[in-house]
Amino acid sequence: MFFLLILVSLAFYNDIKINHWVIPFIGAATVFIITSGISIMLYDSFFDTFKSLPEISLNFNSYNSAAYIVAITILLSFGIWSSLYYINSIKEKKKAFRVSFKSILVSAIIAGVIVILAPVKDGSEFLFVFAPLTIIITNYIEIIEDKWFREIFLAVLFILPFVLLLL
């Protein structure tokens, strides 16, 4: 799914060089050719390796514990709250940096879709959301004007892992 991020970023940059648009597809074709070669060597068939593609699961029953509920609630609330300010701050950035900020936002959206569609819900799927949300939340912390609110925000982020260990 992150392959889409490459294409969206190229569209944001208004890049018209044809080689920049062809290179991602050549990379995907290379992976396809190597996987087909491995499938021929191991299974004597072209597409047996592709039968093990991941499935989609919308079963969220594994999140029915106090630790998951607290962690997901804090992550979603801080992420959505920070994203709203992040989106508003994009307009204030220099034109050269806007594309990077938009790409990070698209990356967070794609990571959120991966978390929702992950076939195994064991908490490891949240690692995809970690990098973009870290950037978004950090940018929000930098623009908070009230010192007491910033300190509470950081304290909650610091104390949360220890609370989750106790749960």
N, C-alpha and C. Protein backbone atom coordinates (compact mmCIF):
# COMPACT_ATOMS: atom_id res chain seq x y z
N MET A 1 0.81 -1.20 0.00
CA MET A 1 0.00 0.00 0.00
C MET A 1 0.86 1.27 0.00
N PHE A 2 2.08 1.15 0.53
CA PHE A 2 2.95 2.32 0.54
C PHE A 2 3.49 2.64 -0.85
N PHE A 3 3.28 1.75 -1.80
CA PHE A 3 3.64 2.05 -3.18
C PHE A 3 2.83 3.26 -3.67
N LEU A 4 1.60 3.38 -3.20
CA LEU A 4 0.77 4.53 -3.56
C LEU A 4 1.39 5.83 -3.09
N LEU A 5 2.11 5.79 -1.96
CA LEU A 5 2.74 7.00 -1.43
C LEU A 5 3.78 7.55 -2.41
N ILE A 6 4.48 6.67 -3.09
CA ILE A 6 5.46 7.12 -4.08
C ILE A 6 4.77 7.88 -5.20
N LEU A 7 3.67 7.33 -5.70
CA LEU A 7 2.96 7.97 -6.80
C LEU A 7 2.31 9.28 -6.36
N VAL A 8 1.75 9.30 -5.16
CA VAL A 8 1.13 10.53 -4.66
C VAL A 8 2.19 11.61 -4.45
N SER A 9 3.35 11.22 -3.92
CA SER A 9 4.42 12.20 -3.72
C SER A 9 4.92 12.76 -5.05
N LEU A 10 5.02 11.91 -6.06
CA LEU A 10 5.40 12.40 -7.39
C LEU A 10 4.36 13.38 -7.93
N ALA A 11 3.10 13.09 -7.68
CA ALA A 11 2.04 14.00 -8.13
C ALA A 11 2.09 15.32 -7.37
N PHE A 12 2.40 15.27 -6.06
CA PHE A 12 2.53 16.50 -5.28
C PHE A 12 3.67 17.37 -5.79
N TYR A 13 4.77 16.74 -6.18
CA TYR A 13 5.93 17.50 -6.65
C TYR A 13 5.74 18.03 -8.07
N ASN A 14 4.65 17.67 -8.72
CA ASN A 14 4.40 18.07 -10.10
C ASN A 14 5.57 17.69 -11.00
N ASP A 15 6.06 16.49 -10.78
CA ASP A 15 7.22 16.02 -11.51
C ASP A 15 6.77 15.49 -12.87
N ILE A 16 7.33 16.05 -13.94
CA ILE A 16 6.92 15.63 -15.27
C ILE A 16 7.98 14.79 -15.97
N LYS A 17 9.08 14.51 -15.29
CA LYS A 17 10.09 13.65 -15.91
C LYS A 17 9.56 12.23 -15.94
N ILE A 18 9.56 11.64 -17.12
CA ILE A 18 8.98 10.33 -17.32
C ILE A 18 9.76 9.24 -16.57
N ASN A 19 11.08 9.43 -16.44
CA ASN A 19 11.86 8.39 -15.76
C ASN A 19 11.52 8.31 -14.27
N HIS A 20 11.11 9.41 -13.65
CA HIS A 20 10.71 9.37 -12.24
C HIS A 20 9.41 8.59 -12.06
N TRP A 21 8.55 8.61 -13.06
CA TRP A 21 7.30 7.86 -12.99
C TRP A 21 7.47 6.40 -13.37
N VAL A 22 8.48 6.09 -14.18
CA VAL A 22 8.69 4.71 -14.63
C VAL A 22 9.46 3.89 -13.60
N ILE A 23 10.38 4.50 -12.87
CA ILE A 23 11.24 3.78 -11.94
C ILE A 23 10.46 2.99 -10.88
N PRO A 24 9.40 3.52 -10.25
CA PRO A 24 8.67 2.70 -9.27
C PRO A 24 8.04 1.45 -9.89
N PHE A 25 7.57 1.57 -11.12
CA PHE A 25 6.96 0.41 -11.78
C PHE A 25 8.03 -0.62 -12.19
N ILE A 26 9.20 -0.14 -12.55
CA ILE A 26 10.31 -1.07 -12.83
C ILE A 26 10.70 -1.81 -11.56
N GLY A 27 10.71 -1.13 -10.45
CA GLY A 27 11.01 -1.78 -9.17
C GLY A 27 9.96 -2.83 -8.83
N ALA A 28 8.69 -2.52 -9.02
CA ALA A 28 7.62 -3.50 -8.75
C ALA A 28 7.72 -4.68 -9.71
N ALA A 29 8.05 -4.42 -10.97
CA ALA A 29 8.22 -5.51 -11.94
C ALA A 29 9.40 -6.40 -11.56
N THR A 30 10.46 -5.79 -11.03
CA THR A 30 11.62 -6.57 -10.60
C THR A 30 11.26 -7.51 -9.46
N VAL A 31 10.50 -7.03 -8.50
CA VAL A 31 10.05 -7.88 -7.39
C VAL A 31 9.18 -9.01 -7.93
N PHE A 32 8.30 -8.72 -8.88
CA PHE A 32 7.45 -9.74 -9.47
C PHE A 32 8.29 -10.81 -10.19
N ILE A 33 9.30 -10.39 -10.94
CA ILE A 33 10.15 -11.33 -11.68
C ILE A 33 10.95 -12.21 -10.71
N ILE A 34 11.51 -11.62 -9.67
CA ILE A 34 12.29 -12.40 -8.70
C ILE A 34 11.38 -13.38 -7.96
N THR A 35 10.18 -12.95 -7.59
CA THR A 35 9.24 -13.84 -6.90
C THR A 35 8.81 -14.97 -7.82
N SER A 36 8.58 -14.68 -9.09
CA SER A 36 8.22 -15.73 -10.04
C SER A 36 9.37 -16.72 -10.22
N GLY A 37 10.59 -16.22 -10.27
CA GLY A 37 11.76 -17.10 -10.38
C GLY A 37 11.89 -18.02 -9.17
N ILE A 38 11.68 -17.49 -7.99
CA ILE A 38 11.73 -18.31 -6.78
C ILE A 38 10.62 -19.34 -6.80
N SER A 39 9.44 -18.95 -7.27
CA SER A 39 8.32 -19.88 -7.36
C SER A 39 8.61 -21.01 -8.33
N ILE A 40 9.27 -20.70 -9.44
CA ILE A 40 9.63 -21.74 -10.41
C ILE A 40 10.65 -22.70 -9.80
N MET A 41 11.64 -22.15 -9.09
CA MET A 41 12.68 -23.00 -8.51
C MET A 41 12.15 -23.88 -7.38
N LEU A 42 11.27 -23.35 -6.55
CA LEU A 42 10.82 -24.09 -5.38
C LEU A 42 9.59 -24.96 -5.63
N TYR A 43 8.66 -24.49 -6.47
CA TYR A 43 7.38 -25.17 -6.61
C TYR A 43 7.09 -25.67 -8.02
N ASP A 44 7.99 -25.45 -8.98
CA ASP A 44 7.78 -25.82 -10.38
C ASP A 44 6.48 -25.22 -10.95
N SER A 45 6.15 -24.05 -10.51
CA SER A 45 4.97 -23.35 -10.99
C SER A 45 5.26 -21.85 -10.94
N PHE A 46 4.63 -21.12 -11.82
CA PHE A 46 4.90 -19.68 -11.86
C PHE A 46 4.32 -18.93 -10.67
N PHE A 47 3.14 -19.29 -10.23
CA PHE A 47 2.42 -18.43 -9.30
C PHE A 47 2.12 -19.06 -7.95
N ASP A 48 2.78 -20.13 -7.55
CA ASP A 48 2.52 -20.73 -6.24
C ASP A 48 2.94 -19.82 -5.10
N THR A 49 3.96 -19.02 -5.29
CA THR A 49 4.40 -18.09 -4.24
C THR A 49 3.34 -17.02 -4.00
N PHE A 50 2.60 -16.65 -5.03
CA PHE A 50 1.61 -15.59 -4.90
C PHE A 50 0.33 -16.06 -4.19
N LYS A 51 0.20 -17.37 -3.97
CA LYS A 51 -0.98 -17.87 -3.27
C LYS A 51 -0.93 -17.54 -1.78
N SER A 52 0.23 -17.15 -1.28
CA SER A 52 0.36 -16.85 0.14
C SER A 52 0.27 -15.36 0.44
N LEU A 53 -0.44 -14.63 -0.40
CA LEU A 53 -0.62 -13.20 -0.17
C LEU A 53 -1.45 -12.99 1.10
N PRO A 54 -1.19 -11.91 1.83
CA PRO A 54 -1.93 -11.69 3.08
C PRO A 54 -3.41 -11.43 2.84
N GLU A 55 -4.17 -11.80 3.85
CA GLU A 55 -5.61 -11.60 3.78
C GLU A 55 -5.99 -10.35 4.55
N ILE A 56 -7.24 -9.98 4.42
CA ILE A 56 -7.78 -8.81 5.13
C ILE A 56 -8.68 -9.31 6.24
N SER A 57 -8.55 -8.70 7.41
CA SER A 57 -9.39 -9.07 8.54
C SER A 57 -9.95 -7.81 9.18
N LEU A 58 -11.24 -7.83 9.44
CA LEU A 58 -11.88 -6.73 10.14
C LEU A 58 -12.38 -7.18 11.52
N ASN A 59 -11.75 -8.21 12.05
CA ASN A 59 -12.08 -8.74 13.36
C ASN A 59 -11.22 -8.04 14.42
N PHE A 60 -11.82 -7.21 15.23
CA PHE A 60 -11.10 -6.43 16.23
C PHE A 60 -11.26 -6.98 17.64
N ASN A 61 -11.65 -8.25 17.78
CA ASN A 61 -11.87 -8.84 19.10
C ASN A 61 -10.59 -8.93 19.94
N SER A 62 -9.45 -9.00 19.30
CA SER A 62 -8.20 -9.11 20.07
C SER A 62 -7.86 -7.80 20.79
N TYR A 63 -8.53 -6.72 20.46
CA TYR A 63 -8.30 -5.43 21.12
C TYR A 63 -9.19 -5.24 22.34
N ASN A 64 -9.90 -6.27 22.77
CA ASN A 64 -10.83 -6.16 23.90
C ASN A 64 -10.13 -6.38 25.24
N SER A 65 -9.04 -5.70 25.46
CA SER A 65 -8.39 -5.73 26.76
C SER A 65 -8.12 -4.28 27.18
N ALA A 66 -7.96 -4.10 28.47
CA ALA A 66 -7.78 -2.73 28.99
C ALA A 66 -6.54 -2.07 28.40
N ALA A 67 -5.45 -2.81 28.25
CA ALA A 67 -4.22 -2.23 27.72
C ALA A 67 -4.40 -1.74 26.29
N TYR A 68 -5.03 -2.56 25.45
CA TYR A 68 -5.25 -2.15 24.07
C TYR A 68 -6.21 -0.96 23.98
N ILE A 69 -7.26 -0.99 24.76
CA ILE A 69 -8.25 0.08 24.70
C ILE A 69 -7.64 1.42 25.12
N VAL A 70 -6.85 1.42 26.20
CA VAL A 70 -6.21 2.65 26.66
C VAL A 70 -5.21 3.14 25.62
N ALA A 71 -4.36 2.25 25.12
CA ALA A 71 -3.33 2.63 24.16
C ALA A 71 -3.93 3.16 22.86
N ILE A 72 -4.92 2.47 22.33
CA ILE A 72 -5.53 2.89 21.08
C ILE A 72 -6.29 4.20 21.25
N THR A 73 -6.95 4.36 22.39
CA THR A 73 -7.67 5.61 22.64
C THR A 73 -6.72 6.80 22.71
N ILE A 74 -5.63 6.66 23.45
CA ILE A 74 -4.65 7.75 23.56
C ILE A 74 -4.02 8.02 22.19
N LEU A 75 -3.64 6.95 21.50
CA LEU A 75 -3.00 7.12 20.18
C LEU A 75 -3.94 7.81 19.20
N LEU A 76 -5.18 7.36 19.14
CA LEU A 76 -6.13 7.98 18.22
C LEU A 76 -6.45 9.42 18.61
N SER A 77 -6.68 9.67 19.89
CA SER A 77 -7.03 11.03 20.29
C SER A 77 -5.88 12.00 20.06
N PHE A 78 -4.67 11.61 20.46
CA PHE A 78 -3.51 12.48 20.22
C PHE A 78 -3.24 12.62 18.73
N GLY A 79 -3.39 11.54 17.99
CA GLY A 79 -3.13 11.57 16.55
C GLY A 79 -4.11 12.45 15.81
N ILE A 80 -5.39 12.31 16.12
CA ILE A 80 -6.40 13.12 15.43
C ILE A 80 -6.28 14.58 15.84
N TRP A 81 -6.09 14.83 17.13
CA TRP A 81 -5.96 16.21 17.63
C TRP A 81 -4.75 16.90 16.97
N SER A 82 -3.62 16.20 16.94
CA SER A 82 -2.42 16.78 16.33
C SER A 82 -2.57 16.92 14.83
N SER A 83 -3.26 15.99 14.20
CA SER A 83 -3.44 16.05 12.74
C SER A 83 -4.25 17.26 12.32
N LEU A 84 -5.23 17.63 13.13
CA LEU A 84 -6.02 18.81 12.79
C LEU A 84 -5.15 20.07 12.77
N TYR A 85 -4.30 20.22 13.75
CA TYR A 85 -3.39 21.36 13.78
C TYR A 85 -2.32 21.24 12.69
N TYR A 86 -1.92 20.01 12.42
CA TYR A 86 -0.91 19.76 11.38
C TYR A 86 -1.44 20.18 10.02
N ILE A 87 -2.68 19.84 9.74
CA ILE A 87 -3.28 20.21 8.45
C ILE A 87 -3.39 21.73 8.33
N ASN A 88 -3.78 22.39 9.42
CA ASN A 88 -3.88 23.85 9.38
C ASN A 88 -2.52 24.52 9.24
N SER A 89 -1.47 23.89 9.78
CA SER A 89 -0.15 24.52 9.72
C SER A 89 0.54 24.33 8.37
N ILE A 90 0.03 23.45 7.53
CA ILE A 90 0.65 23.24 6.21
C ILE A 90 0.59 24.51 5.38
N LYS A 91 -0.48 25.26 5.50
CA LYS A 91 -0.63 26.50 4.74
C LYS A 91 0.41 27.54 5.12
N GLU A 92 0.88 27.48 6.36
CA GLU A 92 1.84 28.47 6.84
C GLU A 92 3.29 28.11 6.50
N LYS A 93 3.53 26.90 6.05
CA LYS A 93 4.90 26.47 5.74
C LYS A 93 5.35 27.04 4.41
N LYS A 94 6.67 27.05 4.23
CA LYS A 94 7.21 27.49 2.94
C LYS A 94 6.73 26.54 1.85
N LYS A 95 6.61 27.07 0.67
CA LYS A 95 6.09 26.28 -0.44
C LYS A 95 6.95 25.04 -0.72
N ALA A 96 8.24 25.15 -0.50
CA ALA A 96 9.14 24.01 -0.74
C ALA A 96 8.90 22.87 0.25
N PHE A 97 8.40 23.18 1.46
CA PHE A 97 8.20 22.15 2.48
C PHE A 97 6.79 21.58 2.48
N ARG A 98 5.86 22.21 1.82
CA ARG A 98 4.47 21.76 1.85
C ARG A 98 4.31 20.36 1.31
N VAL A 99 5.06 20.02 0.28
CA VAL A 99 4.95 18.69 -0.32
C VAL A 99 5.36 17.62 0.68
N SER A 100 6.41 17.87 1.43
CA SER A 100 6.85 16.90 2.44
C SER A 100 5.81 16.73 3.52
N PHE A 101 5.20 17.82 3.95
CA PHE A 101 4.17 17.75 4.98
C PHE A 101 2.95 17.00 4.48
N LYS A 102 2.57 17.22 3.24
CA LYS A 102 1.43 16.50 2.66
C LYS A 102 1.75 15.02 2.51
N SER A 103 2.99 14.70 2.14
CA SER A 103 3.38 13.30 2.00
C SER A 103 3.34 12.56 3.34
N ILE A 104 3.72 13.24 4.40
CA ILE A 104 3.66 12.63 5.73
C ILE A 104 2.21 12.38 6.12
N LEU A 105 1.33 13.30 5.79
CA LEU A 105 -0.08 13.12 6.09
C LEU A 105 -0.66 11.94 5.31
N VAL A 106 -0.32 11.82 4.04
CA VAL A 106 -0.78 10.69 3.24
C VAL A 106 -0.20 9.38 3.80
N SER A 107 1.04 9.42 4.25
CA SER A 107 1.66 8.24 4.86
C SER A 107 0.90 7.81 6.11
N ALA A 108 0.46 8.77 6.92
CA ALA A 108 -0.31 8.45 8.12
C ALA A 108 -1.66 7.83 7.75
N ILE A 109 -2.28 8.33 6.70
CA ILE A 109 -3.57 7.78 6.26
C ILE A 109 -3.40 6.35 5.76
N ILE A 110 -2.37 6.11 4.96
CA ILE A 110 -2.11 4.76 4.46
C ILE A 110 -1.80 3.82 5.62
N ALA A 111 -1.01 4.27 6.58
CA ALA A 111 -0.70 3.44 7.74
C ALA A 111 -1.96 3.12 8.54
N GLY A 112 -2.87 4.09 8.67
CA GLY A 112 -4.14 3.83 9.35
C GLY A 112 -4.97 2.78 8.64
N VAL A 113 -4.98 2.82 7.31
CA VAL A 113 -5.70 1.80 6.54
C VAL A 113 -5.05 0.43 6.75
N ILE A 114 -3.74 0.37 6.82
CA ILE A 114 -3.05 -0.90 7.07
C ILE A 114 -3.42 -1.45 8.43
N VAL A 115 -3.49 -0.59 9.43
CA VAL A 115 -3.88 -1.03 10.78
C VAL A 115 -5.28 -1.62 10.76
N ILE A 116 -6.19 -0.99 10.05
CA ILE A 116 -7.58 -1.47 10.00
C ILE A 116 -7.68 -2.78 9.25
N LEU A 117 -6.94 -2.94 8.15
CA LEU A 117 -7.07 -4.12 7.30
C LEU A 117 -6.11 -5.25 7.65
N ALA A 118 -5.26 -5.09 8.63
CA ALA A 118 -4.26 -6.11 8.96
C ALA A 118 -4.92 -7.45 9.27
N PRO A 119 -4.37 -8.56 8.74
CA PRO A 119 -5.00 -9.86 8.96
C PRO A 119 -4.84 -10.37 10.39
N VAL A 120 -3.76 -10.02 11.05
CA VAL A 120 -3.52 -10.45 12.43
C VAL A 120 -3.48 -9.20 13.29
N LYS A 121 -4.37 -9.12 14.24
CA LYS A 121 -4.45 -7.95 15.11
C LYS A 121 -3.77 -8.29 16.45
N ASP A 122 -2.46 -8.07 16.50
CA ASP A 122 -1.73 -8.35 17.74
C ASP A 122 -0.98 -7.13 18.26
N GLY A 123 -1.22 -5.98 17.70
CA GLY A 123 -0.59 -4.75 18.14
C GLY A 123 0.62 -4.36 17.31
N SER A 124 1.21 -5.31 16.61
CA SER A 124 2.39 -5.00 15.81
C SER A 124 2.06 -4.15 14.59
N GLU A 125 0.81 -4.15 14.18
CA GLU A 125 0.41 -3.35 13.01
C GLU A 125 0.47 -1.86 13.30
N PHE A 126 0.52 -1.48 14.57
CA PHE A 126 0.60 -0.06 14.92
C PHE A 126 2.00 0.50 14.66
N LEU A 127 2.97 -0.34 14.38
CA LEU A 127 4.31 0.15 14.04
C LEU A 127 4.30 0.95 12.74
N PHE A 128 3.36 0.65 11.85
CA PHE A 128 3.25 1.41 10.61
C PHE A 128 2.83 2.85 10.88
N VAL A 129 2.02 3.06 11.91
CA VAL A 129 1.51 4.38 12.24
C VAL A 129 2.52 5.18 13.04
N PHE A 130 3.47 4.50 13.65
CA PHE A 130 4.40 5.14 14.58
C PHE A 130 5.19 6.29 13.95
N ALA A 131 5.82 6.07 12.82
CA ALA A 131 6.68 7.10 12.21
C ALA A 131 5.90 8.34 11.78
N PRO A 132 4.83 8.20 10.99
CA PRO A 132 4.13 9.43 10.59
C PRO A 132 3.48 10.16 11.77
N LEU A 133 2.92 9.41 12.71
CA LEU A 133 2.29 10.08 13.85
C LEU A 133 3.32 10.74 14.75
N THR A 134 4.50 10.18 14.83
CA THR A 134 5.56 10.83 15.60
C THR A 134 5.89 12.19 15.02
N ILE A 135 6.00 12.26 13.72
CA ILE A 135 6.31 13.54 13.06
C ILE A 135 5.16 14.53 13.25
N ILE A 136 3.93 14.06 13.10
CA ILE A 136 2.77 14.93 13.23
C ILE A 136 2.64 15.45 14.66
N ILE A 137 2.76 14.56 15.65
CA ILE A 137 2.63 14.97 17.05
C ILE A 137 3.78 15.88 17.46
N THR A 138 4.99 15.61 16.97
CA THR A 138 6.13 16.47 17.29
C THR A 138 5.93 17.88 16.73
N ASN A 139 5.43 17.97 15.52
CA ASN A 139 5.15 19.30 14.96
C ASN A 139 4.08 20.02 15.76
N TYR A 140 3.11 19.28 16.27
CA TYR A 140 2.08 19.92 17.10
C TYR A 140 2.67 20.40 18.43
N ILE A 141 3.52 19.59 19.04
CA ILE A 141 4.13 19.97 20.32
C ILE A 141 4.96 21.24 20.14
N GLU A 142 5.60 21.39 19.00
CA GLU A 142 6.41 22.58 18.75
C GLU A 142 5.58 23.86 18.68
N ILE A 143 4.32 23.76 18.26
CA ILE A 143 3.53 24.98 18.09
C ILE A 143 2.61 25.26 19.28
N ILE A 144 2.59 24.38 20.28
CA ILE A 144 1.75 24.64 21.45
C ILE A 144 2.31 25.85 22.18
N GLU A 145 1.46 26.83 22.41
CA GLU A 145 1.90 28.07 23.06
C GLU A 145 1.81 28.00 24.58
N ASP A 146 0.81 27.30 25.11
CA ASP A 146 0.65 27.19 26.56
C ASP A 146 1.64 26.17 27.11
N LYS A 147 2.52 26.62 27.97
CA LYS A 147 3.56 25.74 28.51
C LYS A 147 2.97 24.62 29.35
N TRP A 148 1.95 24.92 30.14
CA TRP A 148 1.36 23.89 31.00
C TRP A 148 0.70 22.79 30.17
N PHE A 149 0.06 23.16 29.05
CA PHE A 149 -0.58 22.16 28.19
C PHE A 149 0.47 21.28 27.51
N ARG A 150 1.56 21.89 27.07
CA ARG A 150 2.65 21.14 26.46
C ARG A 150 3.23 20.13 27.44
N GLU A 151 3.42 20.57 28.69
CA GLU A 151 3.98 19.68 29.71
C GLU A 151 3.05 18.52 30.02
N ILE A 152 1.76 18.78 30.11
CA ILE A 152 0.79 17.70 30.35
C ILE A 152 0.77 16.74 29.17
N PHE A 153 0.79 17.28 27.97
CA PHE A 153 0.79 16.47 26.75
C PHE A 153 1.99 15.53 26.74
N LEU A 154 3.17 16.07 27.02
CA LEU A 154 4.39 15.25 27.04
C LEU A 154 4.38 14.27 28.20
N ALA A 155 3.85 14.67 29.35
CA ALA A 155 3.80 13.78 30.50
C ALA A 155 2.92 12.57 30.22
N VAL A 156 1.79 12.80 29.57
CA VAL A 156 0.91 11.67 29.23
C VAL A 156 1.62 10.73 28.26
N LEU A 157 2.32 11.28 27.27
CA LEU A 157 3.05 10.44 26.33
C LEU A 157 4.19 9.67 27.01
N PHE A 158 4.78 10.26 28.04
CA PHE A 158 5.88 9.60 28.74
C PHE A 158 5.36 8.54 29.72
N ILE A 159 4.27 8.81 30.39
CA ILE A 159 3.75 7.90 31.42
C ILE A 159 2.95 6.74 30.82
N LEU A 160 2.38 6.92 29.65
CA LEU A 160 1.53 5.91 29.03
C LEU A 160 2.18 4.53 28.92
N PRO A 161 3.43 4.39 28.45
CA PRO A 161 4.00 3.04 28.36
C PRO A 161 4.10 2.33 29.71
N PHE A 162 4.35 3.08 30.76
CA PHE A 162 4.45 2.47 32.08
C PHE A 162 3.08 2.03 32.59
N VAL A 163 2.06 2.81 32.30
CA VAL A 163 0.69 2.43 32.67
C VAL A 163 0.28 1.18 31.91
N LEU A 164 0.65 1.11 30.64
CA LEU A 164 0.30 -0.06 29.84
C LEU A 164 1.00 -1.32 30.34
N LEU A 165 2.20 -1.20 30.87
CA LEU A 165 2.89 -2.35 31.46
C LEU A 165 2.15 -2.87 32.69
N LEU A 166 1.57 -1.97 33.45
CA LEU A 166 0.82 -2.37 34.64
C LEU A 166 -0.53 -3.00 34.30
N LEU A 167 -1.11 -2.60 33.17
CA LEU A 167 -2.38 -3.17 32.75
C LEU A 167 -2.16 -4.54 32.17
